[in-house]
Amino acid sequence: QLHLMTSEKNELTRSLEMVQNQLQEKESEIKREISEYKDRLLQEERAHQDALTETNRKNEEEIEACHEKISSLEHFISSQKLEIEHLKSNKEQLNNSLKEANQALGELLKTKVR
């Protein structure tokens, strides 16, 4: 009976060792998979961050280009306003000169008629 018990004990010990070995292998496999997933996640996060950085850089360039265009258009508008004011002034001077010329012509015509 002792021999039988010893044999059973040895069999159970071997079974326990096999189960422990299987568990260790499974644990190692799971740890390896976790490590792979972490690496892939880190790579994806880096790729996402790089894409985000590039998008932000392009947006900043576009914003800067828009600011420059706005500034250029504001300058153009300002110069056009000055030109309009200059043209209005010239028109007023020409109208005054035309009135004076018409008055002088009227005077000359009156003098000629007499």
C-alpha atoms as a PDB file:
ATOM      1  CA  GLN A   1       0.000   0.000   0.000  1.00  0.00           C
ATOM      2  CA  LEU A   2       2.885   2.320   0.766  1.00  0.00           C
ATOM      3  CA  HIS A   3       4.373   1.498  -2.602  1.00  0.00           C
ATOM      4  CA  LEU A   4       1.038   2.304  -4.236  1.00  0.00           C
ATOM      5  CA  MET A   5       0.775   5.589  -2.382  1.00  0.00           C
ATOM      6  CA  THR A   6       4.344   6.506  -3.301  1.00  0.00           C
ATOM      7  CA  SER A   7       3.628   5.674  -6.900  1.00  0.00           C
ATOM      8  CA  GLU A   8       0.463   7.802  -6.858  1.00  0.00           C
ATOM      9  CA  LYS A   9       2.365  10.593  -5.185  1.00  0.00           C
ATOM     10  CA  ASN A  10       5.069  10.434  -7.854  1.00  0.00           C
ATOM     11  CA  GLU A  11       2.427  10.379 -10.580  1.00  0.00           C
ATOM     12  CA  LEU A  12       0.670  13.379  -9.042  1.00  0.00           C
ATOM     13  CA  THR A  13       4.004  15.195  -8.660  1.00  0.00           C
ATOM     14  CA  ARG A  14       4.779  14.562 -12.349  1.00  0.00           C
ATOM     15  CA  SER A  15       1.299  15.744 -13.311  1.00  0.00           C
ATOM     16  CA  LEU A  16       1.692  18.828 -11.148  1.00  0.00           C
ATOM     17  CA  GLU A  17       5.086  19.578 -12.712  1.00  0.00           C
ATOM     18  CA  MET A  18       3.580  19.154 -16.190  1.00  0.00           C
ATOM     19  CA  VAL A  19       0.723  21.511 -15.348  1.00  0.00           C
ATOM     20  CA  GLN A  20       3.166  23.999 -13.822  1.00  0.00           C
ATOM     21  CA  ASN A  21       5.370  23.807 -16.911  1.00  0.00           C
ATOM     22  CA  GLN A  22       2.345  24.321 -19.156  1.00  0.00           C
ATOM     23  CA  LEU A  23       1.268  27.289 -17.051  1.00  0.00           C
ATOM     24  CA  GLN A  24       4.770  28.781 -17.219  1.00  0.00           C
ATOM     25  CA  GLU A  25       4.829  28.320 -20.990  1.00  0.00           C
ATOM     26  CA  LYS A  26       1.393  29.894 -21.290  1.00  0.00           C
ATOM     27  CA  GLU A  27       2.456  32.767 -19.021  1.00  0.00           C
ATOM     28  CA  SER A  28       5.597  33.317 -21.116  1.00  0.00           C
ATOM     29  CA  GLU A  29       3.508  33.264 -24.299  1.00  0.00           C
ATOM     30  CA  ILE A  30       1.017  35.751 -22.861  1.00  0.00           C
ATOM     31  CA  LYS A  31       3.843  38.031 -21.661  1.00  0.00           C
ATOM     32  CA  ARG A  32       5.414  37.884 -25.123  1.00  0.00           C
ATOM     33  CA  GLU A  33       2.078  38.731 -26.761  1.00  0.00           C
ATOM     34  CA  ILE A  34       1.536  41.606 -24.322  1.00  0.00           C
ATOM     35  CA  SER A  35       5.003  42.901 -25.140  1.00  0.00           C
ATOM     36  CA  GLU A  36       4.275  42.661 -28.878  1.00  0.00           C
ATOM     37  CA  TYR A  37       0.962  44.479 -28.439  1.00  0.00           C
ATOM     38  CA  LYS A  38       2.656  47.195 -26.387  1.00  0.00           C
ATOM     39  CA  ASP A  39       5.310  47.605 -29.084  1.00  0.00           C
ATOM     40  CA  ARG A  40       2.658  47.799 -31.807  1.00  0.00           C
ATOM     41  CA  LEU A  41       0.655  50.274 -29.748  1.00  0.00           C
ATOM     42  CA  LEU A  42       3.741  52.424 -29.234  1.00  0.00           C
ATOM     43  CA  GLN A  43       4.508  52.329 -32.973  1.00  0.00           C
ATOM     44  CA  GLU A  44       0.911  53.303 -33.781  1.00  0.00           C
ATOM     45  CA  GLU A  45       1.012  56.133 -31.244  1.00  0.00           C
ATOM     46  CA  ARG A  46       4.266  57.404 -32.741  1.00  0.00           C
ATOM     47  CA  ALA A  47       2.865  57.180 -36.270  1.00  0.00           C
ATOM     48  CA  HIS A  48      -0.285  58.989 -35.133  1.00  0.00           C
ATOM     49  CA  GLN A  49       1.779  61.679 -33.390  1.00  0.00           C
ATOM     50  CA  ASP A  50       3.962  62.104 -36.490  1.00  0.00           C
ATOM     51  CA  ALA A  51       0.878  62.442 -38.691  1.00  0.00           C
ATOM     52  CA  LEU A  52      -0.628  64.936 -36.247  1.00  0.00           C
ATOM     53  CA  THR A  53       2.587  66.951 -36.151  1.00  0.00           C
ATOM     54  CA  GLU A  54       2.761  67.006 -39.950  1.00  0.00           C
ATOM     55  CA  THR A  55      -0.885  68.051 -40.220  1.00  0.00           C
ATOM     56  CA  ASN A  56      -0.328  70.825 -37.681  1.00  0.00           C
ATOM     57  CA  ARG A  57       2.753  72.017 -39.593  1.00  0.00           C
ATOM     58  CA  LYS A  58       0.802  72.137 -42.861  1.00  0.00           C
ATOM     59  CA  ASN A  59      -2.075  73.958 -41.159  1.00  0.00           C
ATOM     60  CA  GLU A  60       0.348  76.515 -39.708  1.00  0.00           C
ATOM     61  CA  GLU A  61       1.835  77.058 -43.174  1.00  0.00           C
ATOM     62  CA  GLU A  62      -1.641  77.533 -44.654  1.00  0.00           C
ATOM     63  CA  ILE A  63      -2.597  79.937 -41.867  1.00  0.00           C
ATOM     64  CA  GLU A  64       0.598  81.928 -42.433  1.00  0.00           C
ATOM     65  CA  ALA A  65      -0.078  82.032 -46.191  1.00  0.00           C
ATOM     66  CA  CYS A  66      -3.627  83.272 -45.498  1.00  0.00           C
ATOM     67  CA  HIS A  67      -2.322  85.968 -43.141  1.00  0.00           C
ATOM     68  CA  GLU A  68       0.125  87.104 -45.812  1.00  0.00           C
ATOM     69  CA  LYS A  69      -2.629  87.164 -48.429  1.00  0.00           C
ATOM     70  CA  ILE A  70      -4.915  89.134 -46.093  1.00  0.00           C
ATOM     71  CA  SER A  71      -2.120  91.600 -45.391  1.00  0.00           C
ATOM     72  CA  SER A  72      -1.438  91.963 -49.091  1.00  0.00           C
ATOM     73  CA  LEU A  73      -5.136  92.518 -49.831  1.00  0.00           C
ATOM     74  CA  GLU A  74      -5.422  95.077 -47.027  1.00  0.00           C
ATOM     75  CA  HIS A  75      -2.449  96.949 -48.467  1.00  0.00           C
ATOM     76  CA  PHE A  76      -4.000  96.789 -51.940  1.00  0.00           C
ATOM     77  CA  ILE A  77      -7.349  98.084 -50.606  1.00  0.00           C
ATOM     78  CA  SER A  78      -5.593 100.900 -48.785  1.00  0.00           C
ATOM     79  CA  SER A  79      -3.725 101.943 -51.917  1.00  0.00           C
ATOM     80  CA  GLN A  80      -6.963 101.754 -53.926  1.00  0.00           C
ATOM     81  CA  LYS A  81      -8.709 104.015 -51.394  1.00  0.00           C
ATOM     82  CA  LEU A  82      -5.886 106.535 -51.710  1.00  0.00           C
ATOM     83  CA  GLU A  83      -6.149 106.339 -55.488  1.00  0.00           C
ATOM     84  CA  ILE A  84      -9.922 106.898 -55.308  1.00  0.00           C
ATOM     85  CA  GLU A  85      -9.414 109.951 -53.072  1.00  0.00           C
ATOM     86  CA  HIS A  86      -6.803 111.275 -55.486  1.00  0.00           C
ATOM     87  CA  LEU A  87      -9.144 110.737 -58.443  1.00  0.00           C
ATOM     88  CA  LYS A  88     -12.012 112.446 -56.605  1.00  0.00           C
ATOM     89  CA  SER A  89      -9.775 115.423 -55.882  1.00  0.00           C
ATOM     90  CA  ASN A  90      -8.680 115.587 -59.525  1.00  0.00           C
ATOM     91  CA  LYS A  91     -12.313 115.342 -60.658  1.00  0.00           C
ATOM     92  CA  GLU A  92     -13.268 118.220 -58.368  1.00  0.00           C
ATOM     93  CA  GLN A  93     -10.397 120.327 -59.700  1.00  0.00           C
ATOM     94  CA  LEU A  94     -11.352 119.500 -63.275  1.00  0.00           C
ATOM     95  CA  ASN A  95     -15.005 120.364 -62.573  1.00  0.00           C
ATOM     96  CA  ASN A  96     -13.937 123.702 -61.065  1.00  0.00           C
ATOM     97  CA  SER A  97     -11.686 124.381 -64.056  1.00  0.00           C
ATOM     98  CA  LEU A  98     -14.507 123.448 -66.403  1.00  0.00           C
ATOM     99  CA  LYS A  99     -16.890 125.817 -64.582  1.00  0.00           C
ATOM    100  CA  GLU A 100     -14.341 128.617 -64.791  1.00  0.00           C
ATOM    101  CA  ALA A 101     -13.742 127.913 -68.479  1.00  0.00           C
ATOM    102  CA  ASN A 102     -17.499 127.873 -69.142  1.00  0.00           C
ATOM    103  CA  GLN A 103     -17.891 131.159 -67.266  1.00  0.00           C
ATOM    104  CA  ALA A 104     -15.028 132.704 -69.220  1.00  0.00           C
ATOM    105  CA  LEU A 105     -16.518 131.377 -72.446  1.00  0.00           C
ATOM    106  CA  GLY A 106     -19.881 132.839 -71.436  1.00  0.00           C
ATOM    107  CA  GLU A 107     -18.248 136.175 -70.748  1.00  0.00           C
ATOM    108  CA  LEU A 108     -16.439 136.061 -74.085  1.00  0.00           C
ATOM    109  CA  LEU A 109     -19.649 135.159 -75.898  1.00  0.00           C
ATOM    110  CA  LYS A 110     -21.482 138.058 -74.171  1.00  0.00           C
ATOM    111  CA  THR A 111     -18.666 140.402 -75.125  1.00  0.00           C
ATOM    112  CA  LYS A 112     -18.686 139.139 -78.699  1.00  0.00           C
ATOM    113  CA  VAL A 113     -22.465 139.473 -78.981  1.00  0.00           C
ATOM    114  CA  ARG A 114     -22.338 143.149 -77.873  1.00  0.00           C
END
